[in-house]
Amino acid sequence: MEKLKIKITIGGRVYPLSVNNASEEEGMRKAAKNINELVSKFEQNYAVSDKQDVLAMCALQFASQTEIKNITSASDTEEAIKKIEALSKLLDTHLQ
């Protein structure tokens, strides 16, 4: 399967990429759009003169969102397991 060659612009620079399919291309384009919107937001709200600093702030923002989701997901899973165990005990008690 031949890869699709696309160009993505992030922070005013063009990056040539290869993707496997149209859905991967869509994901890359949406990610680039989100990054560029966040770059604009940081540039408007903070006195940051270096594009690298803005991009580092964007990377931190997106990475922290991922980590927060992972922590929340793990916490939700742990809570669900506890509730299932409690329900299982309750069912055992009533079925005996």
Foldseek 3Di string as FASTA:
>chain_A
DAWDWDWADALNDIDIDTHRDDVVVVVVNVVRVVRNVQLVVCVVPDVDDDSVVSSVVSVVVVVVVVVVVVVVVVVVVVVVVVVVVVVVVVVVVVVD
